[in-house]
Amino acid sequence: MVLSPLAILQLAMPRWRRVALGGAGIFAAALILMWMD
């Protein structure tokens, strides 16, 4: 969150698909853990 001004610029790199999939996976993991605890 606090490093996002630079971190999110990785979406402008050729590896953007990995970043997008990774972000979706982290979001899903967070939702599951929030539901569990």
PDB file of all heavy atoms in Angstrom:
ATOM      1  N   MET A   1       0.822  -1.207   0.000  1.00  0.00           N
ATOM      2  CA  MET A   1       0.000   0.000   0.000  1.00  0.00           C
ATOM      3  C   MET A   1       0.861   1.264   0.000  1.00  0.00           C
ATOM      4  O   MET A   1       0.675   2.153  -0.833  1.00  0.00           O
ATOM      5  CB  MET A   1      -0.936  -0.016   1.208  1.00  0.00           C
ATOM      6  CG  MET A   1      -1.879   1.170   1.303  1.00  0.00           C
ATOM      7  SD  MET A   1      -3.150   0.930   2.570  1.00  0.00           S
ATOM      8  CE  MET A   1      -2.139   0.690   4.040  1.00  0.00           C
ATOM      9  N   VAL A   2       1.822   1.349   0.926  1.00  0.00           N
ATOM     10  CA  VAL A   2       2.587   2.595   1.065  1.00  0.00           C
ATOM     11  C   VAL A   2       3.705   2.711   0.030  1.00  0.00           C
ATOM     12  O   VAL A   2       4.224   3.809  -0.196  1.00  0.00           O
ATOM     13  CB  VAL A   2       3.162   2.738   2.493  1.00  0.00           C
ATOM     14  CG1 VAL A   2       2.048   2.788   3.515  1.00  0.00           C
ATOM     15  CG2 VAL A   2       4.151   1.630   2.817  1.00  0.00           C
ATOM     16  N   LEU A   3       4.084   1.588  -0.593  1.00  0.00           N
ATOM     17  CA  LEU A   3       5.097   1.632  -1.656  1.00  0.00           C
ATOM     18  C   LEU A   3       4.464   1.602  -3.039  1.00  0.00           C
ATOM     19  O   LEU A   3       5.173   1.578  -4.052  1.00  0.00           O
ATOM     20  CB  LEU A   3       6.066   0.457  -1.506  1.00  0.00           C
ATOM     21  CG  LEU A   3       6.863   0.377  -0.205  1.00  0.00           C
ATOM     22  CD1 LEU A   3       7.721  -0.879  -0.177  1.00  0.00           C
ATOM     23  CD2 LEU A   3       7.736   1.608  -0.016  1.00  0.00           C
ATOM     24  N   SER A   4       3.132   1.612  -3.101  1.00  0.00           N
ATOM     25  CA  SER A   4       2.435   1.465  -4.374  1.00  0.00           C
ATOM     26  C   SER A   4       2.781   2.530  -5.417  1.00  0.00           C
ATOM     27  O   SER A   4       2.762   2.226  -6.614  1.00  0.00           O
ATOM     28  CB  SER A   4       0.921   1.418  -4.152  1.00  0.00           C
ATOM     29  OG  SER A   4       0.459   2.607  -3.525  1.00  0.00           O
ATOM     30  N   PRO A   5       3.108   3.790  -5.053  1.00  0.00           N
ATOM     31  CA  PRO A   5       3.449   4.747  -6.104  1.00  0.00           C
ATOM     32  C   PRO A   5       4.580   4.287  -7.021  1.00  0.00           C
ATOM     33  O   PRO A   5       4.601   4.645  -8.200  1.00  0.00           O
ATOM     34  CB  PRO A   5       3.852   6.002  -5.317  1.00  0.00           C
ATOM     35  CG  PRO A   5       3.016   5.928  -4.078  1.00  0.00           C
ATOM     36  CD  PRO A   5       3.006   4.456  -3.737  1.00  0.00           C
ATOM     37  N   LEU A   6       5.533   3.505  -6.505  1.00  0.00           N
ATOM     38  CA  LEU A   6       6.570   2.927  -7.363  1.00  0.00           C
ATOM     39  C   LEU A   6       6.279   1.465  -7.691  1.00  0.00           C
ATOM     40  O   LEU A   6       6.523   1.017  -8.815  1.00  0.00           O
ATOM     41  CB  LEU A   6       7.938   3.030  -6.686  1.00  0.00           C
ATOM     42  CG  LEU A   6       8.700   4.347  -6.801  1.00  0.00           C
ATOM     43  CD1 LEU A   6      10.105   4.199  -6.243  1.00  0.00           C
ATOM     44  CD2 LEU A   6       8.756   4.855  -8.233  1.00  0.00           C
ATOM     45  N   ALA A   7       5.748   0.721  -6.717  1.00  0.00           N
ATOM     46  CA  ALA A   7       5.551  -0.717  -6.921  1.00  0.00           C
ATOM     47  C   ALA A   7       4.553  -1.000  -8.035  1.00  0.00           C
ATOM     48  O   ALA A   7       4.738  -1.921  -8.840  1.00  0.00           O
ATOM     49  CB  ALA A   7       5.085  -1.363  -5.615  1.00  0.00           C
ATOM     50  N   ILE A   8       3.502  -0.198  -8.113  1.00  0.00           N
ATOM     51  CA  ILE A   8       2.453  -0.477  -9.094  1.00  0.00           C
ATOM     52  C   ILE A   8       2.914  -0.153 -10.518  1.00  0.00           C
ATOM     53  O   ILE A   8       2.311  -0.614 -11.498  1.00  0.00           O
ATOM     54  CB  ILE A   8       1.175   0.303  -8.715  1.00  0.00           C
ATOM     55  CG1 ILE A   8      -0.064  -0.476  -9.150  1.00  0.00           C
ATOM     56  CG2 ILE A   8       1.184   1.697  -9.292  1.00  0.00           C
ATOM     57  CD1 ILE A   8      -1.320  -0.038  -8.478  1.00  0.00           C
ATOM     58  N   LEU A   9       4.021   0.596 -10.635  1.00  0.00           N
ATOM     59  CA  LEU A   9       4.574   0.881 -11.956  1.00  0.00           C
ATOM     60  C   LEU A   9       5.176  -0.363 -12.610  1.00  0.00           C
ATOM     61  O   LEU A   9       5.476  -0.349 -13.811  1.00  0.00           O
ATOM     62  CB  LEU A   9       5.642   1.978 -11.856  1.00  0.00           C
ATOM     63  CG  LEU A   9       5.154   3.354 -11.389  1.00  0.00           C
ATOM     64  CD1 LEU A   9       6.310   4.336 -11.351  1.00  0.00           C
ATOM     65  CD2 LEU A   9       4.042   3.878 -12.286  1.00  0.00           C
ATOM     66  N   GLN A  10       5.348  -1.441 -11.810  1.00  0.00           N
ATOM     67  CA  GLN A  10       5.801  -2.695 -12.401  1.00  0.00           C
ATOM     68  C   GLN A  10       4.796  -3.228 -13.412  1.00  0.00           C
ATOM     69  O   GLN A  10       5.136  -4.067 -14.243  1.00  0.00           O
ATOM     70  CB  GLN A  10       6.049  -3.731 -11.297  1.00  0.00           C
ATOM     71  CG  GLN A  10       7.202  -3.404 -10.361  1.00  0.00           C
ATOM     72  CD  GLN A  10       8.549  -3.386 -11.072  1.00  0.00           C
ATOM     73  OE1 GLN A  10       8.816  -4.235 -11.921  1.00  0.00           O
ATOM     74  NE2 GLN A  10       9.382  -2.407 -10.740  1.00  0.00           N
ATOM     75  N   LEU A  11       3.552  -2.737 -13.354  1.00  0.00           N
ATOM     76  CA  LEU A  11       2.546  -3.121 -14.356  1.00  0.00           C
ATOM     77  C   LEU A  11       2.873  -2.548 -15.730  1.00  0.00           C
ATOM     78  O   LEU A  11       2.287  -2.966 -16.734  1.00  0.00           O
ATOM     79  CB  LEU A  11       1.161  -2.650 -13.921  1.00  0.00           C
ATOM     80  CG  LEU A  11       0.509  -3.428 -12.772  1.00  0.00           C
ATOM     81  CD1 LEU A  11      -0.714  -2.701 -12.249  1.00  0.00           C
ATOM     82  CD2 LEU A  11       0.139  -4.845 -13.225  1.00  0.00           C
ATOM     83  N   ALA A  12       3.801  -1.583 -15.788  1.00  0.00           N
ATOM     84  CA  ALA A  12       4.212  -1.022 -17.078  1.00  0.00           C
ATOM     85  C   ALA A  12       5.397  -1.759 -17.680  1.00  0.00           C
ATOM     86  O   ALA A  12       5.886  -1.386 -18.748  1.00  0.00           O
ATOM     87  CB  ALA A  12       4.569   0.462 -16.899  1.00  0.00           C
ATOM     88  N   MET A  13       5.855  -2.823 -17.005  1.00  0.00           N
ATOM     89  CA  MET A  13       6.995  -3.615 -17.483  1.00  0.00           C
ATOM     90  C   MET A  13       6.505  -4.835 -18.248  1.00  0.00           C
ATOM     91  O   MET A  13       5.333  -5.222 -18.150  1.00  0.00           O
ATOM     92  CB  MET A  13       7.848  -4.043 -16.283  1.00  0.00           C
ATOM     93  CG  MET A  13       8.465  -2.881 -15.519  1.00  0.00           C
ATOM     94  SD  MET A  13       9.677  -1.971 -16.499  1.00  0.00           S
ATOM     95  CE  MET A  13      11.008  -3.179 -16.577  1.00  0.00           C
ATOM     96  N   PRO A  14       7.396  -5.485 -19.017  1.00  0.00           N
ATOM     97  CA  PRO A  14       6.988  -6.681 -19.763  1.00  0.00           C
ATOM     98  C   PRO A  14       6.414  -7.794 -18.886  1.00  0.00           C
ATOM     99  O   PRO A  14       5.648  -8.624 -19.370  1.00  0.00           O
ATOM    100  CB  PRO A  14       8.293  -7.121 -20.450  1.00  0.00           C
ATOM    101  CG  PRO A  14       9.096  -5.864 -20.574  1.00  0.00           C
ATOM    102  CD  PRO A  14       8.767  -5.057 -19.354  1.00  0.00           C
ATOM    103  N   ARG A  15       6.772  -7.819 -17.600  1.00  0.00           N
ATOM    104  CA  ARG A  15       6.279  -8.867 -16.696  1.00  0.00           C
ATOM    105  C   ARG A  15       4.936  -8.498 -16.075  1.00  0.00           C
ATOM    106  O   ARG A  15       4.555  -9.048 -15.032  1.00  0.00           O
ATOM    107  CB  ARG A  15       7.310  -9.149 -15.599  1.00  0.00           C
ATOM    108  CG  ARG A  15       7.738  -7.916 -14.827  1.00  0.00           C
ATOM    109  CD  ARG A  15       8.781  -8.241 -13.772  1.00  0.00           C
ATOM    110  NE  ARG A  15       9.304  -7.029 -13.163  1.00  0.00           N
ATOM    111  CZ  ARG A  15      10.332  -6.331 -13.619  1.00  0.00           C
ATOM    112  NH1 ARG A  15      10.942  -6.719 -14.717  1.00  0.00           N
ATOM    113  NH2 ARG A  15      10.759  -5.243 -13.005  1.00  0.00           N
ATOM    114  N   TRP A  16       4.191  -7.607 -16.681  1.00  0.00           N
ATOM    115  CA  TRP A  16       2.962  -7.096 -16.081  1.00  0.00           C
ATOM    116  C   TRP A  16       1.942  -8.198 -15.820  1.00  0.00           C
ATOM    117  O   TRP A  16       1.151  -8.109 -14.882  1.00  0.00           O
ATOM    118  CB  TRP A  16       2.359  -5.993 -16.947  1.00  0.00           C
ATOM    119  CG  TRP A  16       1.823  -6.444 -18.278  1.00  0.00           C
ATOM    120  CD1 TRP A  16       2.499  -6.496 -19.455  1.00  0.00           C
ATOM    121  CD2 TRP A  16       0.502  -6.910 -18.550  1.00  0.00           C
ATOM    122  NE1 TRP A  16       1.700  -6.962 -20.460  1.00  0.00           N
ATOM    123  CE2 TRP A  16       0.452  -7.226 -19.933  1.00  0.00           C
ATOM    124  CE3 TRP A  16      -0.644  -7.091 -17.783  1.00  0.00           C
ATOM    125  CZ2 TRP A  16      -0.686  -7.721 -20.541  1.00  0.00           C
ATOM    126  CZ3 TRP A  16      -1.793  -7.575 -18.383  1.00  0.00           C
ATOM    127  CH2 TRP A  16      -1.812  -7.889 -19.745  1.00  0.00           C
ATOM    128  N   ARG A  17       1.949  -9.265 -16.659  1.00  0.00           N
ATOM    129  CA  ARG A  17       0.970 -10.343 -16.450  1.00  0.00           C
ATOM    130  C   ARG A  17       1.221 -11.052 -15.123  1.00  0.00           C
ATOM    131  O   ARG A  17       0.281 -11.373 -14.386  1.00  0.00           O
ATOM    132  CB  ARG A  17       1.033 -11.344 -17.600  1.00  0.00           C
ATOM    133  CG  ARG A  17       0.486 -10.813 -18.923  1.00  0.00           C
ATOM    134  CD  ARG A  17       0.538 -11.886 -20.005  1.00  0.00           C
ATOM    135  NE  ARG A  17       0.012 -11.395 -21.275  1.00  0.00           N
ATOM    136  CZ  ARG A  17       0.722 -10.705 -22.159  1.00  0.00           C
ATOM    137  NH1 ARG A  17       2.005 -10.438 -21.896  1.00  0.00           N
ATOM    138  NH2 ARG A  17       0.177 -10.290 -23.289  1.00  0.00           N
ATOM    139  N   ARG A  18       2.497 -11.275 -14.802  1.00  0.00           N
ATOM    140  CA  ARG A  18       2.825 -11.914 -13.524  1.00  0.00           C
ATOM    141  C   ARG A  18       2.421 -11.022 -12.353  1.00  0.00           C
ATOM    142  O   ARG A  18       1.935 -11.504 -11.329  1.00  0.00           O
ATOM    143  CB  ARG A  18       4.321 -12.218 -13.456  1.00  0.00           C
ATOM    144  CG  ARG A  18       4.760 -13.448 -14.240  1.00  0.00           C
ATOM    145  CD  ARG A  18       6.230 -13.721 -14.053  1.00  0.00           C
ATOM    146  NE  ARG A  18       7.056 -12.713 -14.721  1.00  0.00           N
ATOM    147  CZ  ARG A  18       8.369 -12.589 -14.545  1.00  0.00           C
ATOM    148  NH1 ARG A  18       9.010 -13.389 -13.700  1.00  0.00           N
ATOM    149  NH2 ARG A  18       9.052 -11.677 -15.198  1.00  0.00           N
ATOM    150  N   VAL A  19       2.622  -9.726 -12.526  1.00  0.00           N
ATOM    151  CA  VAL A  19       2.233  -8.795 -11.459  1.00  0.00           C
ATOM    152  C   VAL A  19       0.720  -8.806 -11.281  1.00  0.00           C
ATOM    153  O   VAL A  19       0.211  -8.846 -10.147  1.00  0.00           O
ATOM    154  CB  VAL A  19       2.739  -7.377 -11.782  1.00  0.00           C
ATOM    155  CG1 VAL A  19       2.246  -6.380 -10.730  1.00  0.00           C
ATOM    156  CG2 VAL A  19       4.264  -7.348 -11.850  1.00  0.00           C
ATOM    157  N   ALA A  20      -0.016  -8.787 -12.380  1.00  0.00           N
ATOM    158  CA  ALA A  20      -1.482  -8.780 -12.301  1.00  0.00           C
ATOM    159  C   ALA A  20      -2.004 -10.061 -11.660  1.00  0.00           C
ATOM    160  O   ALA A  20      -2.886 -10.027 -10.785  1.00  0.00           O
ATOM    161  CB  ALA A  20      -2.079  -8.602 -13.696  1.00  0.00           C
ATOM    162  N   LEU A  21      -1.451 -11.206 -12.077  1.00  0.00           N
ATOM    163  CA  LEU A  21      -1.884 -12.481 -11.485  1.00  0.00           C
ATOM    164  C   LEU A  21      -1.498 -12.551 -10.009  1.00  0.00           C
ATOM    165  O   LEU A  21      -2.277 -13.034  -9.175  1.00  0.00           O
ATOM    166  CB  LEU A  21      -1.270 -13.650 -12.252  1.00  0.00           C
ATOM    167  CG  LEU A  21      -1.834 -13.906 -13.663  1.00  0.00           C
ATOM    168  CD1 LEU A  21      -1.014 -14.978 -14.380  1.00  0.00           C
ATOM    169  CD2 LEU A  21      -3.299 -14.338 -13.576  1.00  0.00           C
ATOM    170  N   GLY A  22      -0.319 -12.066  -9.695  1.00  0.00           N
ATOM    171  CA  GLY A  22       0.116 -12.050  -8.300  1.00  0.00           C
ATOM    172  C   GLY A  22      -0.764 -11.175  -7.437  1.00  0.00           C
ATOM    173  O   GLY A  22      -1.131 -11.541  -6.308  1.00  0.00           O
ATOM    174  N   GLY A  23      -1.144 -10.001  -7.955  1.00  0.00           N
ATOM    175  CA  GLY A  23      -2.024  -9.114  -7.211  1.00  0.00           C
ATOM    176  C   GLY A  23      -3.382  -9.734  -6.957  1.00  0.00           C
ATOM    177  O   GLY A  23      -3.934  -9.641  -5.853  1.00  0.00           O
ATOM    178  N   ALA A  24      -3.928 -10.407  -7.995  1.00  0.00           N
ATOM    179  CA  ALA A  24      -5.225 -11.078  -7.826  1.00  0.00           C
ATOM    180  C   ALA A  24      -5.126 -12.191  -6.799  1.00  0.00           C
ATOM    181  O   ALA A  24      -6.036 -12.396  -5.981  1.00  0.00           O
ATOM    182  CB  ALA A  24      -5.700 -11.617  -9.170  1.00  0.00           C
ATOM    183  N   GLY A  25      -4.012 -12.940  -6.825  1.00  0.00           N
ATOM    184  CA  GLY A  25      -3.822 -14.024  -5.860  1.00  0.00           C
ATOM    185  C   GLY A  25      -3.700 -13.514  -4.437  1.00  0.00           C
ATOM    186  O   GLY A  25      -4.286 -14.098  -3.506  1.00  0.00           O
ATOM    187  N   ILE A  26      -2.956 -12.415  -4.232  1.00  0.00           N
ATOM    188  CA  ILE A  26      -2.813 -11.839  -2.890  1.00  0.00           C
ATOM    189  C   ILE A  26      -4.161 -11.325  -2.392  1.00  0.00           C
ATOM    190  O   ILE A  26      -4.523 -11.512  -1.222  1.00  0.00           O
ATOM    191  CB  ILE A  26      -1.761 -10.717  -2.903  1.00  0.00           C
ATOM    192  CG1 ILE A  26      -0.374 -11.311  -3.166  1.00  0.00           C
ATOM    193  CG2 ILE A  26      -1.771  -9.951  -1.590  1.00  0.00           C
ATOM    194  CD1 ILE A  26       0.705 -10.268  -3.397  1.00  0.00           C
ATOM    195  N   PHE A  27      -4.921 -10.686  -3.280  1.00  0.00           N
ATOM    196  CA  PHE A  27      -6.249 -10.182  -2.907  1.00  0.00           C
ATOM    197  C   PHE A  27      -7.154 -11.331  -2.475  1.00  0.00           C
ATOM    198  O   PHE A  27      -7.839 -11.249  -1.441  1.00  0.00           O
ATOM    199  CB  PHE A  27      -6.865  -9.436  -4.096  1.00  0.00           C
ATOM    200  CG  PHE A  27      -8.187  -8.803  -3.795  1.00  0.00           C
ATOM    201  CD1 PHE A  27      -8.256  -7.561  -3.193  1.00  0.00           C
ATOM    202  CD2 PHE A  27      -9.371  -9.440  -4.116  1.00  0.00           C
ATOM    203  CE1 PHE A  27      -9.478  -6.966  -2.910  1.00  0.00           C
ATOM    204  CE2 PHE A  27     -10.606  -8.865  -3.831  1.00  0.00           C
ATOM    205  CZ  PHE A  27     -10.647  -7.620  -3.224  1.00  0.00           C
ATOM    206  N   ALA A  28      -7.143 -12.421  -3.234  1.00  0.00           N
ATOM    207  CA  ALA A  28      -7.984 -13.575  -2.894  1.00  0.00           C
ATOM    208  C   ALA A  28      -7.548 -14.200  -1.573  1.00  0.00           C
ATOM    209  O   ALA A  28      -8.388 -14.556  -0.731  1.00  0.00           O
ATOM    210  CB  ALA A  28      -7.928 -14.603  -4.017  1.00  0.00           C
ATOM    211  N   ALA A  29      -6.225 -14.335  -1.375  1.00  0.00           N
ATOM    212  CA  ALA A  29      -5.714 -14.901  -0.121  1.00  0.00           C
ATOM    213  C   ALA A  29      -6.127 -14.036   1.067  1.00  0.00           C
ATOM    214  O   ALA A  29      -6.490 -14.551   2.136  1.00  0.00           O
ATOM    215  CB  ALA A  29      -4.198 -15.032  -0.187  1.00  0.00           C
ATOM    216  N   ALA A  30      -6.071 -12.711   0.889  1.00  0.00           N
ATOM    217  CA  ALA A  30      -6.464 -11.807   1.968  1.00  0.00           C
ATOM    218  C   ALA A  30      -7.939 -11.981   2.310  1.00  0.00           C
ATOM    219  O   ALA A  30      -8.317 -12.028   3.491  1.00  0.00           O
ATOM    220  CB  ALA A  30      -6.176 -10.361   1.571  1.00  0.00           C
ATOM    221  N   LEU A  31      -8.793 -12.087   1.300  1.00  0.00           N
ATOM    222  CA  LEU A  31     -10.223 -12.267   1.551  1.00  0.00           C
ATOM    223  C   LEU A  31     -10.485 -13.566   2.305  1.00  0.00           C
ATOM    224  O   LEU A  31     -11.309 -13.609   3.232  1.00  0.00           O
ATOM    225  CB  LEU A  31     -10.996 -12.258   0.228  1.00  0.00           C
ATOM    226  CG  LEU A  31     -11.111 -10.917  -0.502  1.00  0.00           C
ATOM    227  CD1 LEU A  31     -11.890 -11.095  -1.798  1.00  0.00           C
ATOM    228  CD2 LEU A  31     -11.771  -9.861   0.381  1.00  0.00           C
ATOM    229  N   ILE A  32      -9.801 -14.633   1.915  1.00  0.00           N
ATOM    230  CA  ILE A  32      -9.994 -15.930   2.584  1.00  0.00           C
ATOM    231  C   ILE A  32      -9.558 -15.849   4.046  1.00  0.00           C
ATOM    232  O   ILE A  32     -10.271 -16.298   4.958  1.00  0.00           O
ATOM    233  CB  ILE A  32      -9.223 -17.037   1.839  1.00  0.00           C
ATOM    234  CG1 ILE A  32      -9.847 -17.265   0.454  1.00  0.00           C
ATOM    235  CG2 ILE A  32      -9.219 -18.331   2.647  1.00  0.00           C
ATOM    236  CD1 ILE A  32      -9.013 -18.146  -0.443  1.00  0.00           C
ATOM    237  N   LEU A  33      -8.385 -15.262   4.284  1.00  0.00           N
ATOM    238  CA  LEU A  33      -7.887 -15.156   5.658  1.00  0.00           C
ATOM    239  C   LEU A  33      -8.743 -14.207   6.495  1.00  0.00           C
ATOM    240  O   LEU A  33      -8.931 -14.430   7.695  1.00  0.00           O
ATOM    241  CB  LEU A  33      -6.428 -14.701   5.645  1.00  0.00           C
ATOM    242  CG  LEU A  33      -5.415 -15.767   5.198  1.00  0.00           C
ATOM    243  CD1 LEU A  33      -4.042 -15.162   4.994  1.00  0.00           C
ATOM    244  CD2 LEU A  33      -5.347 -16.908   6.215  1.00  0.00           C
ATOM    245  N   MET A  34      -9.276 -13.169   5.879  1.00  0.00           N
ATOM    246  CA  MET A  34     -10.182 -12.263   6.598  1.00  0.00           C
ATOM    247  C   MET A  34     -11.471 -12.978   6.985  1.00  0.00           C
ATOM    248  O   MET A  34     -12.048 -12.712   8.039  1.00  0.00           O
ATOM    249  CB  MET A  34     -10.491 -11.040   5.736  1.00  0.00           C
ATOM    250  CG  MET A  34      -9.323 -10.065   5.596  1.00  0.00           C
ATOM    251  SD  MET A  34      -9.488  -8.912   4.200  1.00  0.00           S
ATOM    252  CE  MET A  34     -10.973  -8.031   4.647  1.00  0.00           C
ATOM    253  N   TRP A  35     -11.908 -13.892   6.130  1.00  0.00           N
ATOM    254  CA  TRP A  35     -13.104 -14.673   6.446  1.00  0.00           C
ATOM    255  C   TRP A  35     -12.817 -15.674   7.572  1.00  0.00           C
ATOM    256  O   TRP A  35     -13.644 -15.886   8.465  1.00  0.00           O
ATOM    257  CB  TRP A  35     -13.576 -15.410   5.193  1.00  0.00           C
ATOM    258  CG  TRP A  35     -14.700 -16.362   5.444  1.00  0.00           C
ATOM    259  CD1 TRP A  35     -16.007 -16.079   5.699  1.00  0.00           C
ATOM    260  CD2 TRP A  35     -14.599 -17.795   5.491  1.00  0.00           C
ATOM    261  NE1 TRP A  35     -16.732 -17.214   5.900  1.00  0.00           N
ATOM    262  CE2 TRP A  35     -15.890 -18.303   5.774  1.00  0.00           C
ATOM    263  CE3 TRP A  35     -13.546 -18.699   5.314  1.00  0.00           C
ATOM    264  CZ2 TRP A  35     -16.155 -19.659   5.894  1.00  0.00           C
ATOM    265  CZ3 TRP A  35     -13.808 -20.054   5.420  1.00  0.00           C
ATOM    266  CH2 TRP A  35     -15.099 -20.519   5.705  1.00  0.00           C
ATOM    267  N   MET A  36     -11.609 -16.254   7.566  1.00  0.00           N
ATOM    268  CA  MET A  36     -11.244 -17.225   8.598  1.00  0.00           C
ATOM    269  C   MET A  36     -10.966 -16.565   9.939  1.00  0.00           C
ATOM    270  O   MET A  36     -11.205 -17.160  10.995  1.00  0.00           O
ATOM    271  CB  MET A  36     -10.002 -18.016   8.154  1.00  0.00           C
ATOM    272  CG  MET A  36     -10.215 -18.911   6.949  1.00  0.00           C
ATOM    273  SD  MET A  36      -8.656 -19.649   6.377  1.00  0.00           S
ATOM    274  CE  MET A  36      -8.150 -20.577   7.833  1.00  0.00           C
ATOM    275  N   ASP A  37     -10.441 -15.346   9.918  1.00  0.00           N
ATOM    276  CA  ASP A  37     -10.018 -14.683  11.155  1.00  0.00           C
ATOM    277  C   ASP A  37     -10.353 -13.198  11.040  1.00  0.00           C
ATOM    278  O   ASP A  37      -9.663 -12.457  10.349  1.00  0.00           O
ATOM    279  CB  ASP A  37      -8.506 -14.877  11.372  1.00  0.00           C
ATOM    280  CG  ASP A  37      -8.002 -14.140  12.598  1.00  0.00           C
ATOM    281  OD1 ASP A  37      -8.480 -14.442  13.699  1.00  0.00           O
ATOM    282  OD2 ASP A  37      -7.126 -13.258  12.443  1.00  0.00           O
TER     283      ASP A  37
END
